Amino acid sequence: MINDFAKQLKALHKPSTPIIFPNVWDVASFNTVVSLNSSSSKPVKALATASWAIAASLGIKDEDLTLEQNFDAVAKVATLCKAAGIPLSADLQDGYGEQIAATVKRAIEVGVVGANIEDTIPATGAFYPIDEQVQRL
């Protein structure tokens, strides 16, 4: 089933046609956004989580959001997305340092079919050198 969602998301990528990813972070935000879809119109074709919003809902700063806190929310949203037939992309921060591969693998395991990995070093806010970021990805 995850592969079907990945194919669905890939099919949305078309030249000159941007994909709009409404951001959701919990059940309420998911329900609000998905309520825009109806039997005659489906403007919401894909969703994404937002680490900033997840952190804010927990009363913490984005940079203080732990992997576990992020995945608690991502897994809940992924379950809802599966049931609604909507592909999910997740904000995976910077991949949580050296565990980028494990982070992405875990995201796939909970049903995520797309991800964004930040290109800045959390401690400094500076961009990773291009060669290093390419290796990380």
Protein backbone atom coordinates (compact mmCIF):
# COMPACT_ATOMS: atom_id res chain seq x y z
CA MET A 1 0.00 0.00 0.00
CA ILE A 2 2.84 2.43 0.81
CA ASN A 3 4.16 1.92 -2.71
CA ASP A 4 0.76 2.99 -4.09
CA PHE A 5 0.93 6.21 -2.07
CA ALA A 6 4.48 6.82 -3.32
CA LYS A 7 3.28 6.38 -6.90
CA GLN A 8 0.35 8.69 -6.20
CA LEU A 9 2.70 11.37 -4.86
CA LYS A 10 5.12 10.94 -7.75
CA ALA A 11 2.26 11.36 -10.24
CA LEU A 12 1.51 14.77 -8.72
CA HIS A 13 4.97 16.02 -9.72
CA LYS A 14 4.42 17.72 -13.08
CA PRO A 15 6.42 20.50 -14.72
CA SER A 16 4.86 23.94 -14.21
CA THR A 17 2.27 22.52 -11.80
CA PRO A 18 3.34 23.05 -8.20
CA ILE A 19 2.11 20.62 -5.58
CA ILE A 20 0.49 22.30 -2.61
CA PHE A 21 1.19 20.43 0.62
CA PRO A 22 -1.09 21.69 3.39
CA ASN A 23 0.68 21.15 6.70
CA VAL A 24 -0.96 19.12 9.44
CA TRP A 25 0.36 18.13 12.84
CA ASP A 26 -2.46 16.44 14.73
CA VAL A 27 -5.96 14.97 14.35
CA ALA A 28 -7.70 18.37 14.48
CA SER A 29 -5.51 19.97 11.81
CA PHE A 30 -5.83 16.86 9.64
CA ASN A 31 -9.61 16.85 9.91
CA THR A 32 -9.82 20.57 9.19
CA VAL A 33 -7.71 20.36 6.04
CA VAL A 34 -9.20 17.14 4.71
CA SER A 35 -12.72 18.53 5.21
CA LEU A 36 -12.01 20.64 2.11
CA ASN A 37 -12.32 17.46 0.03
CA SER A 38 -15.76 16.31 -1.03
CA SER A 39 -17.23 13.74 -3.36
CA SER A 40 -17.18 16.29 -6.19
CA SER A 41 -13.90 18.08 -5.46
CA LYS A 42 -10.56 16.92 -4.07
CA PRO A 43 -8.31 19.97 -3.71
CA VAL A 44 -6.22 18.25 -1.02
CA LYS A 45 -4.14 15.74 -2.94
CA ALA A 46 -1.19 15.39 -0.55
CA LEU A 47 -0.31 16.45 2.98
CA ALA A 48 2.86 17.20 4.89
CA THR A 49 3.74 17.44 8.54
CA ALA A 50 5.46 20.53 9.90
CA SER A 51 7.97 20.07 12.70
CA TRP A 52 7.49 23.69 13.80
CA ALA A 53 3.75 23.12 14.24
CA ILE A 54 4.29 19.82 16.05
CA ALA A 55 6.73 21.52 18.42
CA ALA A 56 4.39 24.47 18.96
CA SER A 57 1.55 22.10 19.83
CA LEU A 58 3.82 20.66 22.53
CA GLY A 59 4.80 24.10 23.81
CA ILE A 60 8.43 23.81 22.74
CA LYS A 61 10.71 25.34 20.12
CA ASP A 62 11.19 23.61 16.79
CA GLU A 63 14.88 23.04 17.51
CA ASP A 64 13.96 21.27 20.78
CA LEU A 65 11.63 18.77 19.10
CA THR A 66 13.06 15.30 19.63
CA LEU A 67 12.93 12.49 17.12
CA GLU A 68 10.46 10.62 19.34
CA GLN A 69 8.16 13.62 19.72
CA ASN A 70 8.21 14.23 15.98
CA PHE A 71 7.51 10.58 15.18
CA ASP A 72 4.67 10.36 17.69
CA ALA A 73 2.86 13.03 15.68
CA VAL A 74 4.00 11.82 12.24
CA ALA A 75 2.81 8.26 12.94
CA LYS A 76 -0.64 9.48 14.02
CA VAL A 77 -0.99 11.66 10.93
CA ALA A 78 0.30 8.83 8.69
CA THR A 79 -2.44 6.53 9.98
CA LEU A 80 -5.07 9.15 9.17
CA CYS A 81 -3.59 9.75 5.72
CA LYS A 82 -3.63 6.05 4.91
CA ALA A 83 -7.30 5.83 5.84
CA ALA A 84 -8.10 8.89 3.70
CA GLY A 85 -6.04 7.71 0.73
CA ILE A 86 -3.78 10.78 0.80
CA PRO A 87 0.02 10.57 0.50
CA LEU A 88 2.06 12.10 3.32
CA SER A 89 5.40 13.88 3.26
CA ALA A 90 7.10 14.53 6.59
CA ASP A 91 9.31 17.27 7.93
CA LEU A 92 12.21 15.26 9.33
CA GLN A 93 14.21 18.24 10.56
CA ASP A 94 17.83 17.74 9.50
CA GLY A 95 17.38 13.96 9.61
CA TYR A 96 18.41 14.09 13.27
CA GLY A 97 22.12 14.30 12.66
CA GLU A 98 24.03 11.18 11.83
CA GLN A 99 20.94 8.97 11.97
CA ILE A 100 19.48 10.31 8.74
CA ALA A 101 19.13 6.89 7.06
CA ALA A 102 17.45 5.36 10.11
CA THR A 103 15.14 8.38 10.38
CA VAL A 104 14.02 8.07 6.76
CA LYS A 105 13.61 4.29 7.09
CA ARG A 106 11.45 4.76 10.16
CA ALA A 107 9.36 7.37 8.34
CA ILE A 108 8.74 4.91 5.51
CA GLU A 109 7.78 2.22 8.02
CA VAL A 110 5.01 4.41 9.48
CA GLY A 111 3.64 5.27 6.04
CA VAL A 112 5.46 8.42 4.94
CA VAL A 113 6.21 8.55 1.20
CA GLY A 114 8.02 11.89 0.97
CA ALA A 115 10.27 13.91 3.23
CA ASN A 116 12.09 17.15 3.55
CA ILE A 117 15.51 17.22 5.15
CA GLU A 118 16.79 20.62 6.19
CA ASP A 119 20.10 21.78 4.82
CA THR A 120 21.29 23.74 7.83
CA ILE A 121 23.38 22.68 10.79
CA PRO A 122 21.11 22.89 13.85
CA ALA A 123 23.77 24.20 16.24
CA THR A 124 24.89 27.07 14.01
CA GLY A 125 22.17 27.67 11.44
CA ALA A 126 24.84 27.60 8.73
CA PHE A 127 24.26 25.59 5.58
CA TYR A 128 25.93 22.21 5.31
CA PRO A 129 28.62 22.36 2.63
CA ILE A 130 27.11 21.07 -0.62
CA ASP A 131 29.35 17.99 -0.80
CA GLU A 132 28.49 17.07 2.78
CA GLN A 133 24.74 17.53 2.26
CA VAL A 134 24.86 15.39 -0.87
CA GLN A 135 26.61 12.64 1.14
CA ARG A 136 24.06 12.96 3.93
CA LEU A 137 21.20 12.47 1.51
